[in-house]
């Protein structure tokens, strides 16, 4: 599977939990891109062929409304979930996702 790029809405412990499960994870903070517009975050992930992992549905709007290209998005439902639940949901989604899938996935 391609590396993950966790945007700034994803809690740092979630990124850490995904790393512990064996995923290669980059974060907005780790890449020095905090505060960059969502469109630039999406482009950065695409340029690196990273799956963008986010709680932020603004990315879905950018892709659908503005037809921005992307390398794949994992939109994570945050409501009523703790860190462990989010890590498990994303891990399960990634295990079932084709490595070449550049679409939008929901978990």
N, C-alpha and C. Protein backbone atom coordinates (compact mmCIF):
# COMPACT_ATOMS: atom_id res chain seq x y z
N UNK A 1 0.84 -1.19 0.00
CA UNK A 1 0.00 0.00 0.00
C UNK A 1 0.88 1.24 0.00
N UNK A 2 0.39 2.25 -0.67
CA UNK A 2 1.09 3.53 -0.72
C UNK A 2 1.11 4.20 0.65
N UNK A 3 2.06 5.08 0.87
CA UNK A 3 2.11 5.81 2.15
C UNK A 3 0.86 6.66 2.37
N UNK A 4 0.63 6.96 3.63
CA UNK A 4 -0.50 7.78 4.04
C UNK A 4 -0.01 9.19 4.35
N UNK A 5 -0.87 10.15 4.11
CA UNK A 5 -0.59 11.55 4.45
C UNK A 5 -1.75 12.04 5.31
N UNK A 6 -1.54 12.14 6.61
CA UNK A 6 -2.57 12.58 7.54
C UNK A 6 -2.61 14.09 7.58
N UNK A 7 -3.76 14.64 7.24
CA UNK A 7 -3.88 16.10 7.29
C UNK A 7 -3.95 16.57 8.74
N UNK A 8 -4.01 17.88 8.93
CA UNK A 8 -3.92 18.41 10.29
C UNK A 8 -5.15 18.14 11.13
N UNK A 9 -6.24 17.67 10.53
CA UNK A 9 -7.42 17.32 11.32
C UNK A 9 -7.28 15.97 12.02
N UNK A 10 -6.41 15.13 11.50
CA UNK A 10 -6.21 13.79 12.09
C UNK A 10 -5.35 13.93 13.34
N UNK A 11 -5.84 13.35 14.43
CA UNK A 11 -5.12 13.43 15.69
C UNK A 11 -3.78 12.71 15.57
N UNK A 12 -2.73 13.31 16.14
CA UNK A 12 -1.38 12.72 16.10
C UNK A 12 -1.37 11.29 16.64
N UNK A 13 -2.08 10.98 17.73
CA UNK A 13 -2.09 9.59 18.20
C UNK A 13 -2.68 8.61 17.18
N UNK A 14 -3.55 9.09 16.29
CA UNK A 14 -4.07 8.21 15.23
C UNK A 14 -2.95 7.89 14.25
N UNK A 15 -2.20 8.90 13.84
CA UNK A 15 -1.06 8.67 12.94
C UNK A 15 -0.06 7.71 13.59
N UNK A 16 0.21 7.91 14.87
CA UNK A 16 1.14 7.03 15.59
C UNK A 16 0.61 5.60 15.64
N UNK A 17 -0.69 5.45 15.87
CA UNK A 17 -1.30 4.13 15.92
C UNK A 17 -1.23 3.41 14.59
N UNK A 18 -1.40 4.15 13.51
CA UNK A 18 -1.29 3.55 12.17
C UNK A 18 0.15 3.12 11.90
N UNK A 19 1.10 3.91 12.34
CA UNK A 19 2.51 3.52 12.20
C UNK A 19 2.79 2.21 12.95
N UNK A 20 2.25 2.12 14.16
CA UNK A 20 2.46 0.91 14.96
C UNK A 20 1.84 -0.32 14.28
N UNK A 21 0.86 -0.10 13.46
CA UNK A 21 0.24 -1.20 12.72
C UNK A 21 0.96 -1.48 11.41
N UNK A 22 2.06 -0.78 11.17
CA UNK A 22 2.90 -1.08 10.02
C UNK A 22 2.73 -0.19 8.80
N UNK A 23 1.88 0.81 8.88
CA UNK A 23 1.68 1.70 7.74
C UNK A 23 2.76 2.79 7.73
N UNK A 24 3.16 3.20 6.54
CA UNK A 24 4.05 4.34 6.38
C UNK A 24 3.18 5.59 6.42
N UNK A 25 3.44 6.45 7.39
CA UNK A 25 2.58 7.61 7.62
C UNK A 25 3.41 8.89 7.65
N UNK A 26 2.97 9.84 6.85
CA UNK A 26 3.50 11.20 6.89
C UNK A 26 2.39 12.09 7.41
N UNK A 27 2.76 13.16 8.08
CA UNK A 27 1.76 14.10 8.59
C UNK A 27 2.03 15.50 8.05
N UNK A 28 0.98 16.29 8.03
CA UNK A 28 1.12 17.69 7.63
C UNK A 28 2.15 18.37 8.53
N UNK A 29 2.05 18.12 9.83
CA UNK A 29 2.99 18.73 10.78
C UNK A 29 4.42 18.28 10.47
N UNK A 30 4.62 17.00 10.26
CA UNK A 30 5.95 16.46 10.00
C UNK A 30 6.57 16.97 8.70
N UNK A 31 5.72 17.33 7.76
CA UNK A 31 6.19 17.84 6.47
C UNK A 31 6.31 19.36 6.46
N UNK A 32 6.03 19.99 7.61
CA UNK A 32 6.15 21.45 7.71
C UNK A 32 5.11 22.19 6.90
N UNK A 33 3.90 21.61 6.77
CA UNK A 33 2.88 22.20 5.92
C UNK A 33 1.62 22.63 6.69
N UNK A 34 1.77 22.80 8.02
CA UNK A 34 0.62 23.27 8.81
C UNK A 34 0.13 24.61 8.27
N UNK A 35 -1.17 24.75 8.13
CA UNK A 35 -1.75 26.01 7.69
C UNK A 35 -1.84 26.18 6.18
N UNK A 36 -1.24 25.27 5.41
CA UNK A 36 -1.36 25.36 3.95
C UNK A 36 -2.82 25.12 3.55
N UNK A 37 -3.28 25.77 2.50
CA UNK A 37 -4.67 25.57 2.05
C UNK A 37 -4.92 24.09 1.69
N UNK A 38 -6.17 23.68 1.83
CA UNK A 38 -6.52 22.29 1.52
C UNK A 38 -6.15 21.90 0.10
N UNK A 39 -6.33 22.81 -0.84
CA UNK A 39 -6.01 22.48 -2.24
C UNK A 39 -4.52 22.18 -2.39
N UNK A 40 -3.66 22.89 -1.65
CA UNK A 40 -2.22 22.62 -1.70
C UNK A 40 -1.88 21.30 -1.01
N UNK A 41 -2.59 20.99 0.08
CA UNK A 41 -2.36 19.70 0.75
C UNK A 41 -2.72 18.55 -0.18
N UNK A 42 -3.82 18.70 -0.88
CA UNK A 42 -4.26 17.68 -1.83
C UNK A 42 -3.25 17.51 -2.95
N UNK A 43 -2.75 18.61 -3.48
CA UNK A 43 -1.73 18.55 -4.54
C UNK A 43 -0.44 17.92 -4.05
N UNK A 44 -0.04 18.26 -2.83
CA UNK A 44 1.19 17.70 -2.25
C UNK A 44 1.08 16.18 -2.11
N UNK A 45 -0.06 15.73 -1.62
CA UNK A 45 -0.28 14.28 -1.49
C UNK A 45 -0.26 13.61 -2.86
N UNK A 46 -0.87 14.25 -3.85
CA UNK A 46 -0.89 13.68 -5.21
C UNK A 46 0.51 13.62 -5.80
N UNK A 47 1.29 14.68 -5.64
CA UNK A 47 2.66 14.71 -6.18
C UNK A 47 3.51 13.58 -5.60
N UNK A 48 3.24 13.20 -4.36
CA UNK A 48 4.00 12.15 -3.69
C UNK A 48 3.34 10.77 -3.79
N UNK A 49 2.17 10.71 -4.43
CA UNK A 49 1.37 9.48 -4.56
C UNK A 49 1.03 8.89 -3.20
N UNK A 50 0.62 9.78 -2.28
CA UNK A 50 0.22 9.39 -0.93
C UNK A 50 -1.29 9.46 -0.82
N UNK A 51 -1.87 8.53 -0.05
CA UNK A 51 -3.29 8.59 0.27
C UNK A 51 -3.51 9.64 1.36
N UNK A 52 -4.39 10.56 1.10
CA UNK A 52 -4.71 11.59 2.10
C UNK A 52 -5.74 11.02 3.07
N UNK A 53 -5.44 11.06 4.36
CA UNK A 53 -6.35 10.61 5.41
C UNK A 53 -6.85 11.84 6.14
N UNK A 54 -8.18 11.97 6.26
CA UNK A 54 -8.73 13.19 6.83
C UNK A 54 -10.07 12.98 7.51
N UNK A 55 -10.36 13.85 8.48
CA UNK A 55 -11.70 13.97 9.06
C UNK A 55 -12.47 15.10 8.35
N UNK A 56 -11.79 15.88 7.54
CA UNK A 56 -12.29 17.14 6.99
C UNK A 56 -13.01 16.93 5.66
N UNK A 57 -14.32 17.12 5.65
CA UNK A 57 -15.08 16.90 4.41
C UNK A 57 -14.87 18.02 3.38
N UNK A 58 -14.12 19.06 3.73
CA UNK A 58 -13.78 20.09 2.72
C UNK A 58 -13.01 19.48 1.56
N UNK A 59 -12.21 18.45 1.83
CA UNK A 59 -11.46 17.79 0.76
C UNK A 59 -12.41 17.13 -0.24
N UNK A 60 -13.49 16.57 0.26
CA UNK A 60 -14.47 15.94 -0.63
C UNK A 60 -15.11 16.99 -1.53
N UNK A 61 -15.39 18.15 -0.97
CA UNK A 61 -15.96 19.24 -1.76
C UNK A 61 -14.99 19.71 -2.83
N UNK A 62 -13.71 19.83 -2.47
CA UNK A 62 -12.71 20.26 -3.46
C UNK A 62 -12.64 19.30 -4.64
N UNK A 63 -12.69 18.03 -4.34
CA UNK A 63 -12.59 17.02 -5.40
C UNK A 63 -13.85 17.01 -6.25
N UNK A 64 -15.00 17.05 -5.61
CA UNK A 64 -16.26 16.96 -6.36
C UNK A 64 -16.64 18.27 -7.03
N UNK A 65 -16.56 19.37 -6.30
CA UNK A 65 -16.98 20.66 -6.84
C UNK A 65 -15.95 21.24 -7.81
N UNK A 66 -14.68 21.19 -7.42
CA UNK A 66 -13.63 21.82 -8.21
C UNK A 66 -12.88 20.85 -9.10
N UNK A 67 -13.24 19.57 -9.05
CA UNK A 67 -12.62 18.52 -9.87
C UNK A 67 -11.10 18.47 -9.72
N UNK A 68 -10.61 18.68 -8.49
CA UNK A 68 -9.17 18.60 -8.26
C UNK A 68 -8.70 17.16 -8.29
N UNK A 69 -7.57 16.94 -8.92
CA UNK A 69 -6.97 15.60 -8.97
C UNK A 69 -6.42 15.24 -7.60
N UNK A 70 -6.38 13.95 -7.33
CA UNK A 70 -5.83 13.46 -6.07
C UNK A 70 -5.31 12.05 -6.27
N UNK A 71 -4.55 11.58 -5.29
CA UNK A 71 -3.97 10.23 -5.36
C UNK A 71 -4.77 9.24 -4.53
N UNK A 72 -5.90 9.67 -4.03
CA UNK A 72 -6.74 8.84 -3.18
C UNK A 72 -6.98 9.53 -1.85
N UNK A 73 -8.19 9.37 -1.35
CA UNK A 73 -8.57 9.99 -0.08
C UNK A 73 -9.25 8.93 0.78
N UNK A 74 -8.90 8.95 2.05
CA UNK A 74 -9.62 8.14 3.04
C UNK A 74 -10.31 9.14 3.96
N UNK A 75 -11.63 9.24 3.83
CA UNK A 75 -12.41 10.13 4.69
C UNK A 75 -12.87 9.33 5.89
N UNK A 76 -12.51 9.81 7.06
CA UNK A 76 -12.79 9.10 8.31
C UNK A 76 -13.91 9.80 9.07
N UNK A 77 -14.94 9.06 9.40
CA UNK A 77 -16.02 9.59 10.23
C UNK A 77 -15.50 9.67 11.67
N UNK A 78 -15.54 10.84 12.24
CA UNK A 78 -14.95 11.09 13.55
C UNK A 78 -15.96 10.96 14.69
N UNK A 79 -17.21 11.23 14.43
CA UNK A 79 -18.23 11.32 15.48
C UNK A 79 -18.32 10.05 16.32
N UNK A 80 -18.32 10.25 17.63
CA UNK A 80 -18.50 9.16 18.59
C UNK A 80 -17.42 8.09 18.52
N UNK A 81 -16.24 8.44 18.08
CA UNK A 81 -15.14 7.48 18.02
C UNK A 81 -13.97 7.99 18.85
N UNK A 82 -13.32 7.06 19.52
CA UNK A 82 -12.09 7.44 20.22
C UNK A 82 -10.91 7.09 19.32
N UNK A 83 -9.72 7.37 19.79
CA UNK A 83 -8.51 7.17 18.99
C UNK A 83 -8.39 5.72 18.51
N UNK A 84 -8.57 4.79 19.42
CA UNK A 84 -8.45 3.38 19.06
C UNK A 84 -9.44 2.96 18.00
N UNK A 85 -10.68 3.45 18.10
CA UNK A 85 -11.70 3.12 17.11
C UNK A 85 -11.33 3.66 15.73
N UNK A 86 -10.79 4.87 15.70
CA UNK A 86 -10.38 5.46 14.42
C UNK A 86 -9.24 4.67 13.81
N UNK A 87 -8.24 4.33 14.61
CA UNK A 87 -7.10 3.56 14.10
C UNK A 87 -7.58 2.23 13.53
N UNK A 88 -8.44 1.53 14.26
CA UNK A 88 -8.95 0.24 13.79
C UNK A 88 -9.75 0.39 12.50
N UNK A 89 -10.58 1.43 12.41
CA UNK A 89 -11.40 1.64 11.21
C UNK A 89 -10.53 1.93 9.99
N UNK A 90 -9.53 2.78 10.16
CA UNK A 90 -8.65 3.11 9.03
C UNK A 90 -7.82 1.89 8.64
N UNK A 91 -7.29 1.19 9.62
CA UNK A 91 -6.50 -0.01 9.35
C UNK A 91 -7.33 -1.03 8.57
N UNK A 92 -8.55 -1.27 8.99
CA UNK A 92 -9.42 -2.23 8.31
C UNK A 92 -9.69 -1.77 6.88
N UNK A 93 -9.98 -0.49 6.71
CA UNK A 93 -10.22 0.05 5.36
C UNK A 93 -9.00 -0.17 4.46
N UNK A 94 -7.82 0.15 4.98
CA UNK A 94 -6.61 0.02 4.18
C UNK A 94 -6.31 -1.43 3.83
N UNK A 95 -6.58 -2.34 4.76
CA UNK A 95 -6.36 -3.77 4.50
C UNK A 95 -7.22 -4.26 3.33
N UNK A 96 -8.40 -3.67 3.18
CA UNK A 96 -9.34 -4.11 2.14
C UNK A 96 -9.22 -3.31 0.85
N UNK A 97 -8.48 -2.24 0.88
CA UNK A 97 -8.36 -1.33 -0.27
C UNK A 97 -7.27 -1.84 -1.21
N UNK A 98 -7.55 -1.81 -2.51
CA UNK A 98 -6.53 -2.17 -3.51
C UNK A 98 -5.41 -1.14 -3.48
N UNK A 99 -4.19 -1.60 -3.61
CA UNK A 99 -3.02 -0.71 -3.57
C UNK A 99 -3.09 0.37 -4.65
N UNK A 100 -3.70 0.07 -5.77
CA UNK A 100 -3.76 1.03 -6.88
C UNK A 100 -5.01 1.92 -6.84
N UNK A 101 -5.82 1.81 -5.79
CA UNK A 101 -7.06 2.57 -5.70
C UNK A 101 -6.75 4.05 -5.44
N UNK A 102 -7.12 4.88 -6.40
CA UNK A 102 -6.94 6.32 -6.27
C UNK A 102 -8.27 7.05 -6.06
N UNK A 103 -9.25 6.32 -5.58
CA UNK A 103 -10.57 6.89 -5.36
C UNK A 103 -10.72 7.41 -3.94
N UNK A 104 -11.97 7.70 -3.60
CA UNK A 104 -12.31 8.17 -2.27
C UNK A 104 -12.90 6.99 -1.50
N UNK A 105 -12.33 6.73 -0.32
CA UNK A 105 -12.84 5.68 0.54
C UNK A 105 -13.39 6.28 1.82
N UNK A 106 -14.35 5.62 2.40
CA UNK A 106 -14.99 6.11 3.61
C UNK A 106 -14.88 5.06 4.72
N UNK A 107 -14.58 5.52 5.91
CA UNK A 107 -14.55 4.58 7.03
C UNK A 107 -14.89 5.30 8.33
